[in-house]
Amino acid sequence: MLTYKNLLETAIADKLSWVHIDAAIGDDLRLTDAQSCEGFIQKFLEDAGKGYLDLAQERGKLNGFRLQHIVSTFFLGISLYHRNPRLKNLIDANLGQYKGIILNHKENPFPFIWFLICLFHDLAYRHEDEHTYTSFQEIKEKYGSLGNRVAVPSLYSEELHGEYFTYMYNEHKKHCDHGICAGYMLYKQCCDLREKKNKEDPKHWKQELVGVYNYAAWVVACHNMWTANEDTKKLYNETYKLQSLDWTDGRRPIKIAEYPVFFLFALVDSIEPIKVVKDAFLLDRILIEVSDEMIKVDVKLACGCRERLNGNMDKLNGWLTNVHVEEGTNARRICLHL
């Protein structure tokens, strides 16, 4: 098994899997350094096409470990994509409609779309912490609507976003859900940028990019919408119109074969360790192995973080995929062949 750090370093070094123009990107990337991660984000945006650096200016207000989490999430997803042929084929087929659209990622749209998702998914934490928005309507008034639903199961909708926002705000100390905020922010910022740049360079900033942004925005907007458990089941079904998020009967609507990018992000964001350990120097104490059938993770940490990381993996059983504890060990096997 590789250490988690080795897995990411291997992905970073495999430039052909995610870089299309500037081969020097990532040469000086240090996951242990938040400023280095911020520099990588800037360089990736610059490489994606002139103008993208204007995106996501709020990243400068994130805590350092969240910048590390963004970069770690990106490369964990890149690793799983390239190490699991079935997953890669499913994603390539799902994203085939966007091939040829993105300026510097024409042949393979996955790295750019995946980067947008990883970059924006935690970008609205400040709004969550500061209770910036008191209603979903305020978000809609500032950012507008998303395009037609893509990338996620049909149970997700803008109406569900509104109901979930109300639930979070009312039941969790005026929490302004960061995922919903970030999804709408992503779509608005990207579409505004494209419209502006299209006037200068219509060949590269074509209308079809709107579909790319919409795809990423739906994944981000829905990624933090928790399903019901025994404690919240009554609230979901009787107080709020969240019955479609009650999967306590064993349903798993986020199917890898139908929604592979959303499945991958739900998995990666759940198991990525930096947001738990908050110390990239500890990544050598986490072992990981990827095969066609599963991901095996063995957390060797001695602190309470081990229980939290194992708990995050075990919870996947309730809504995403099968997770088994390997007999006689602490290792978890996360199923990828459903």
Protein backbone atom coordinates (compact mmCIF):
# COMPACT_ATOMS: atom_id res chain seq x y z
CA MET A 1 0.00 0.00 0.00
CA LEU A 2 1.05 3.58 -0.66
CA THR A 3 0.95 6.28 1.96
CA TYR A 4 -1.65 8.92 1.23
CA LYS A 5 1.19 11.39 0.74
CA ASN A 6 2.85 9.08 -1.83
CA LEU A 7 -0.44 8.71 -3.70
CA LEU A 8 -0.83 12.46 -4.06
CA GLU A 9 2.82 13.03 -4.94
CA THR A 10 2.56 10.43 -7.70
CA ALA A 11 -0.49 12.19 -9.12
CA ILE A 12 1.21 15.59 -8.91
CA ALA A 13 4.22 14.24 -10.82
CA ASP A 14 2.05 12.70 -13.56
CA LYS A 15 1.59 16.00 -15.39
CA LEU A 16 0.05 14.45 -18.49
CA SER A 17 -2.96 13.41 -16.45
CA TRP A 18 -4.02 16.93 -15.50
CA VAL A 19 -1.85 19.67 -17.13
CA HIS A 20 -2.22 20.74 -20.73
CA ILE A 21 0.01 23.76 -21.27
CA ASP A 22 2.43 24.76 -18.51
CA ALA A 23 4.42 21.64 -17.58
CA ALA A 24 6.04 23.47 -14.67
CA ILE A 25 2.81 23.64 -12.66
CA GLY A 26 3.13 21.60 -9.49
CA ASP A 27 6.95 21.44 -9.51
CA ASP A 28 7.15 23.46 -6.31
CA LEU A 29 3.86 22.35 -4.76
CA ARG A 30 4.11 21.42 -1.07
CA LEU A 31 0.94 20.05 0.45
CA THR A 32 2.29 20.91 3.89
CA ASP A 33 2.32 24.62 3.02
CA ALA A 34 -0.97 26.51 2.61
CA GLN A 35 0.70 29.32 0.65
CA SER A 36 2.17 26.79 -1.75
CA CYS A 37 -1.32 25.35 -2.26
CA GLU A 38 -2.69 28.82 -2.93
CA GLY A 39 0.09 29.35 -5.49
CA PHE A 40 -0.82 26.08 -7.20
CA ILE A 41 -4.48 27.13 -7.43
CA GLN A 42 -3.46 30.39 -9.09
CA LYS A 43 -1.17 28.64 -11.58
CA PHE A 44 -3.81 26.09 -12.52
CA LEU A 45 -6.34 28.84 -13.18
CA GLU A 46 -3.82 30.74 -15.30
CA ASP A 47 -3.06 27.60 -17.28
CA ALA A 48 -6.75 26.87 -17.89
CA GLY A 49 -7.07 30.03 -19.95
CA LYS A 50 -6.45 33.75 -19.78
CA GLY A 51 -9.03 35.25 -17.45
CA TYR A 52 -9.76 32.37 -15.11
CA LEU A 53 -7.50 33.88 -12.47
CA ASP A 54 -10.32 36.37 -11.85
CA LEU A 55 -12.43 33.54 -10.43
CA ALA A 56 -12.95 32.67 -6.80
CA GLN A 57 -11.24 35.68 -5.27
CA GLU A 58 -12.73 34.69 -1.91
CA ARG A 59 -10.26 31.83 -1.66
CA GLY A 60 -7.88 34.28 0.00
CA LYS A 61 -10.24 34.40 2.98
CA LEU A 62 -10.16 30.65 3.62
CA ASN A 63 -8.25 29.07 6.49
CA GLY A 64 -4.94 27.61 5.36
CA PHE A 65 -5.95 24.00 5.91
CA ARG A 66 -8.95 24.48 3.61
CA LEU A 67 -6.61 25.54 0.79
CA GLN A 68 -4.66 22.34 1.48
CA HIS A 69 -7.93 20.39 1.52
CA ILE A 70 -8.90 21.82 -1.89
CA VAL A 71 -5.61 20.73 -3.47
CA SER A 72 -5.61 17.37 -1.71
CA THR A 73 -9.19 16.73 -2.86
CA PHE A 74 -8.23 17.60 -6.44
CA PHE A 75 -5.31 15.17 -6.57
CA LEU A 76 -7.12 12.38 -4.71
CA GLY A 77 -9.84 12.55 -7.35
CA ILE A 78 -7.26 12.60 -10.16
CA SER A 79 -5.60 9.54 -8.59
CA LEU A 80 -8.81 7.52 -8.30
CA TYR A 81 -9.84 8.50 -11.82
CA HIS A 82 -6.62 7.17 -13.33
CA ARG A 83 -6.23 4.13 -11.08
CA ASN A 84 -9.73 2.73 -11.61
CA PRO A 85 -10.40 2.05 -15.32
CA ARG A 86 -14.14 1.51 -14.85
CA LEU A 87 -14.56 4.80 -13.03
CA LYS A 88 -12.51 6.59 -15.67
CA ASN A 89 -14.61 5.12 -18.49
CA LEU A 90 -17.84 6.11 -16.75
CA ILE A 91 -16.63 9.68 -16.21
CA ASP A 92 -15.28 10.03 -19.74
CA ALA A 93 -18.61 8.89 -21.18
CA ASN A 94 -20.54 11.21 -18.85
CA LEU A 95 -18.41 14.22 -19.78
CA GLY A 96 -18.13 13.41 -23.48
CA GLN A 97 -20.52 16.23 -24.40
CA TYR A 98 -17.99 18.77 -23.08
CA LYS A 99 -15.03 17.49 -25.06
CA GLY A 100 -13.50 20.17 -27.27
CA ILE A 101 -15.08 23.07 -25.39
CA ILE A 102 -12.55 24.05 -22.71
CA LEU A 103 -9.67 26.10 -24.10
CA ASN A 104 -6.71 24.19 -22.65
CA HIS A 105 -8.52 20.97 -21.75
CA LYS A 106 -10.17 20.17 -25.05
CA GLU A 107 -9.26 16.48 -25.20
CA ASN A 108 -10.19 15.67 -21.62
CA PRO A 109 -12.59 18.02 -19.79
CA PHE A 110 -12.39 16.11 -16.49
CA PRO A 111 -9.35 17.85 -14.90
CA PHE A 112 -10.84 21.32 -15.39
CA ILE A 113 -14.38 20.41 -14.30
CA TRP A 114 -12.99 18.51 -11.31
CA PHE A 115 -10.82 21.50 -10.40
CA LEU A 116 -13.79 23.87 -10.50
CA ILE A 117 -15.72 21.55 -8.18
CA CYS A 118 -12.82 21.19 -5.75
CA LEU A 119 -12.03 24.92 -5.79
CA PHE A 120 -15.54 26.18 -5.13
CA HIS A 121 -16.99 23.48 -2.87
CA ASP A 122 -15.75 25.06 0.40
CA LEU A 123 -15.42 28.60 -0.86
CA ALA A 124 -18.56 29.83 0.90
CA TYR A 125 -17.55 28.74 4.39
CA ARG A 126 -17.12 32.40 5.30
CA HIS A 127 -20.77 33.02 4.46
CA GLU A 128 -21.74 30.03 6.56
CA ASP A 129 -19.68 31.21 9.52
CA GLU A 130 -20.81 34.80 9.24
CA HIS A 131 -24.48 33.97 8.48
CA THR A 132 -24.33 36.17 5.39
CA TYR A 133 -27.62 34.93 3.94
CA THR A 134 -30.79 34.42 5.94
CA SER A 135 -32.81 32.78 3.17
CA PHE A 136 -32.36 30.89 -0.08
CA GLN A 137 -34.18 33.73 -1.79
CA GLU A 138 -31.31 36.07 -0.90
CA ILE A 139 -28.89 33.72 -2.67
CA LYS A 140 -31.15 33.59 -5.73
CA GLU A 141 -31.43 37.38 -5.77
CA LYS A 142 -27.64 37.77 -5.74
CA TYR A 143 -26.58 34.90 -8.00
CA GLY A 144 -29.66 33.93 -9.99
CA SER A 145 -30.72 30.38 -10.84
CA LEU A 146 -28.72 27.42 -12.08
CA GLY A 147 -29.33 25.93 -15.50
CA ASN A 148 -31.25 22.70 -16.05
CA ARG A 149 -30.31 19.93 -13.62
CA VAL A 150 -27.33 17.85 -14.70
CA ALA A 151 -24.72 15.66 -12.95
CA VAL A 152 -26.95 14.75 -9.98
CA PRO A 153 -30.03 12.52 -9.41
CA SER A 154 -33.45 13.91 -10.31
CA LEU A 155 -34.46 14.20 -6.66
CA TYR A 156 -32.24 17.28 -6.42
CA SER A 157 -33.82 20.55 -7.55
CA GLU A 158 -33.70 24.25 -6.81
CA GLU A 159 -36.85 23.78 -4.74
CA LEU A 160 -35.02 21.18 -2.64
CA HIS A 161 -32.09 23.59 -2.26
CA GLY A 162 -34.54 26.10 -0.82
CA GLU A 163 -36.11 23.64 1.62
CA TYR A 164 -32.72 22.36 2.75
CA PHE A 165 -31.41 25.89 3.25
CA THR A 166 -34.44 26.66 5.43
CA TYR A 167 -33.88 23.47 7.45
CA MET A 168 -30.21 24.27 8.03
CA TYR A 169 -30.92 27.88 8.94
CA ASN A 170 -33.71 27.03 11.37
CA GLU A 171 -32.26 23.93 12.98
CA HIS A 172 -28.52 24.65 13.05
CA LYS A 173 -28.03 28.06 14.66
CA LYS A 174 -28.79 30.13 11.55
CA HIS A 175 -26.37 28.09 9.45
CA CYS A 176 -26.11 29.35 5.87
CA ASP A 177 -25.26 26.15 3.97
CA HIS A 178 -21.89 26.67 2.29
CA GLY A 179 -22.46 24.11 -0.47
CA ILE A 180 -25.63 25.70 -1.79
CA CYS A 181 -24.07 29.16 -1.60
CA ALA A 182 -20.92 28.01 -3.42
CA GLY A 183 -22.78 26.24 -6.22
CA TYR A 184 -24.75 29.32 -7.17
CA MET A 185 -21.67 31.50 -6.73
CA LEU A 186 -19.70 29.24 -9.10
CA TYR A 187 -22.31 29.42 -11.84
CA LYS A 188 -22.76 33.19 -11.61
CA GLN A 189 -19.03 34.01 -11.48
CA CYS A 190 -18.11 31.67 -14.34
CA CYS A 191 -20.98 32.79 -16.58
CA ASP A 192 -20.23 36.46 -15.97
CA LEU A 193 -16.55 35.88 -16.75
CA ARG A 194 -17.38 34.00 -19.96
CA GLU A 195 -19.75 36.72 -21.13
CA LYS A 196 -17.11 39.39 -20.50
CA LYS A 197 -14.30 37.45 -22.20
CA ASN A 198 -16.48 36.37 -25.11
CA LYS A 199 -16.47 39.94 -26.37
CA GLU A 200 -12.67 39.82 -26.57
CA ASP A 201 -12.24 36.23 -27.77
CA PRO A 202 -15.48 34.50 -28.88
CA LYS A 203 -13.56 31.55 -30.31
CA HIS A 204 -12.30 30.37 -26.94
CA TRP A 205 -15.04 31.75 -24.65
CA LYS A 206 -17.91 30.14 -26.50
CA GLN A 207 -21.50 29.75 -25.28
CA GLU A 208 -21.04 26.00 -24.77
CA LEU A 209 -18.88 26.72 -21.70
CA VAL A 210 -22.08 27.58 -19.83
CA GLY A 211 -22.90 23.86 -19.79
CA VAL A 212 -19.52 23.07 -18.26
CA TYR A 213 -20.06 25.61 -15.49
CA ASN A 214 -23.59 24.38 -14.86
CA TYR A 215 -22.37 20.79 -14.49
CA ALA A 216 -19.82 21.75 -11.85
CA ALA A 217 -22.28 24.07 -10.09
CA TRP A 218 -24.90 21.34 -9.59
CA VAL A 219 -22.31 19.03 -8.01
CA VAL A 220 -21.13 21.79 -5.66
CA ALA A 221 -24.63 22.98 -4.74
CA CYS A 222 -25.74 19.45 -3.77
CA HIS A 223 -22.57 18.08 -2.19
CA ASN A 224 -23.31 19.13 1.40
CA MET A 225 -26.99 18.18 1.57
CA TRP A 226 -27.03 15.53 4.29
CA THR A 227 -29.50 12.67 4.09
CA ALA A 228 -31.85 11.89 6.98
CA ASN A 229 -30.85 9.72 9.91
CA GLU A 230 -32.90 8.45 12.84
CA ASP A 231 -32.43 11.76 14.67
CA THR A 232 -33.50 13.98 11.76
CA LYS A 233 -36.01 11.68 10.02
CA LYS A 234 -39.08 13.26 11.62
CA LEU A 235 -37.94 16.80 10.84
CA TYR A 236 -37.19 15.88 7.22
CA ASN A 237 -40.57 14.25 6.68
CA GLU A 238 -42.95 16.27 8.82
CA THR A 239 -41.55 19.78 9.29
CA TYR A 240 -39.62 20.34 6.05
CA LYS A 241 -40.23 19.05 2.54
CA LEU A 242 -37.11 16.89 2.56
CA GLN A 243 -38.69 13.46 2.11
CA SER A 244 -36.55 12.85 -0.96
CA LEU A 245 -33.45 13.01 1.26
CA ASP A 246 -34.75 10.28 3.58
CA TRP A 247 -32.73 7.24 2.49
CA THR A 248 -33.04 5.39 5.78
CA ASP A 249 -34.75 2.57 3.87
CA GLY A 250 -31.36 1.69 2.33
CA ARG A 251 -31.68 3.54 -0.98
CA ARG A 252 -28.54 4.90 -2.61
CA PRO A 253 -29.61 7.24 -5.43
CA ILE A 254 -26.08 8.52 -6.19
CA LYS A 255 -25.19 5.60 -8.45
CA ILE A 256 -21.66 5.45 -9.79
CA ALA A 257 -22.82 4.30 -13.23
CA GLU A 258 -25.25 7.20 -13.68
CA TYR A 259 -23.60 10.06 -11.76
CA PRO A 260 -19.89 9.14 -11.68
CA VAL A 261 -18.48 12.62 -11.02
CA PHE A 262 -20.97 13.34 -8.23
CA PHE A 263 -20.29 9.88 -6.78
CA LEU A 264 -16.55 10.48 -6.92
CA PHE A 265 -16.82 13.87 -5.26
CA ALA A 266 -19.14 12.58 -2.52
CA LEU A 267 -16.61 9.84 -1.84
CA VAL A 268 -13.47 11.98 -1.99
CA ASP A 269 -14.83 14.84 0.11
CA SER A 270 -15.90 12.30 2.75
CA ILE A 271 -12.57 10.52 3.07
CA GLU A 272 -10.02 13.28 2.33
CA PRO A 273 -8.00 13.48 5.56
CA ILE A 274 -6.52 17.00 5.74
CA LYS A 275 -9.76 18.64 6.86
CA VAL A 276 -9.79 16.21 9.80
CA VAL A 277 -6.12 16.00 10.80
CA LYS A 278 -5.36 19.60 9.70
CA ASP A 279 -1.70 18.64 9.44
CA ALA A 280 -0.36 17.45 6.08
CA PHE A 281 2.73 16.08 7.81
CA LEU A 282 0.53 13.27 9.14
CA LEU A 283 -0.39 11.99 5.68
CA ASP A 284 2.44 9.44 5.87
CA ARG A 285 0.45 7.69 8.60
CA ILE A 286 -2.47 6.91 6.28
CA LEU A 287 -2.11 3.98 3.88
CA ILE A 288 -4.22 3.65 0.75
CA GLU A 289 -4.59 1.16 -2.09
CA VAL A 290 -6.78 1.53 -5.18
CA SER A 291 -7.98 -1.36 -7.37
CA ASP A 292 -10.74 -2.02 -9.89
CA GLU A 293 -13.01 -3.20 -7.10
CA MET A 294 -12.33 -0.97 -4.11
CA ILE A 295 -10.28 1.56 -2.18
CA LYS A 296 -8.54 0.19 0.88
CA VAL A 297 -7.64 2.74 3.58
CA ASP A 298 -5.70 1.93 6.73
CA VAL A 299 -5.33 4.82 9.19
CA LYS A 300 -2.22 4.34 11.36
CA LEU A 301 -2.66 7.51 13.40
CA ALA A 302 -2.72 7.10 17.16
CA CYS A 303 -4.76 10.23 17.89
CA GLY A 304 -8.51 10.74 17.89
CA CYS A 305 -8.31 11.63 14.20
CA ARG A 306 -8.16 7.90 13.44
CA GLU A 307 -11.65 7.40 14.88
CA ARG A 308 -12.99 10.42 12.99
CA LEU A 309 -11.51 9.31 9.66
CA ASN A 310 -12.72 5.74 10.14
CA GLY A 311 -16.12 7.07 11.18
CA ASN A 312 -16.36 9.16 8.01
CA MET A 313 -15.68 6.07 5.92
CA ASP A 314 -18.12 3.91 7.88
CA LYS A 315 -20.90 6.47 7.38
CA LEU A 316 -20.70 5.95 3.60
CA ASN A 317 -22.56 2.68 4.23
CA GLY A 318 -25.70 4.65 5.00
CA TRP A 319 -26.01 6.55 1.74
CA LEU A 320 -23.30 6.00 -0.88
CA THR A 321 -21.59 2.60 -1.05
CA ASN A 322 -20.57 -0.50 0.89
CA VAL A 323 -17.75 -0.19 3.41
CA HIS A 324 -16.29 -3.23 5.15
CA VAL A 325 -13.81 -3.40 8.00
CA GLU A 326 -11.10 -5.88 7.05
CA GLU A 327 -11.14 -8.76 9.54
CA GLY A 328 -8.40 -8.56 12.14
CA THR A 329 -7.30 -5.09 11.08
CA ASN A 330 -8.30 -1.44 11.25
CA ALA A 331 -8.44 -1.13 7.44
CA ARG A 332 -11.61 -0.17 5.55
CA ARG A 333 -12.55 -1.46 2.10
CA ILE A 334 -14.71 1.00 0.17
CA CYS A 335 -16.60 -0.62 -2.70
CA LEU A 336 -16.31 0.89 -6.20
CA HIS A 337 -18.14 -1.75 -8.24
CA LEU A 338 -21.83 -1.23 -7.40
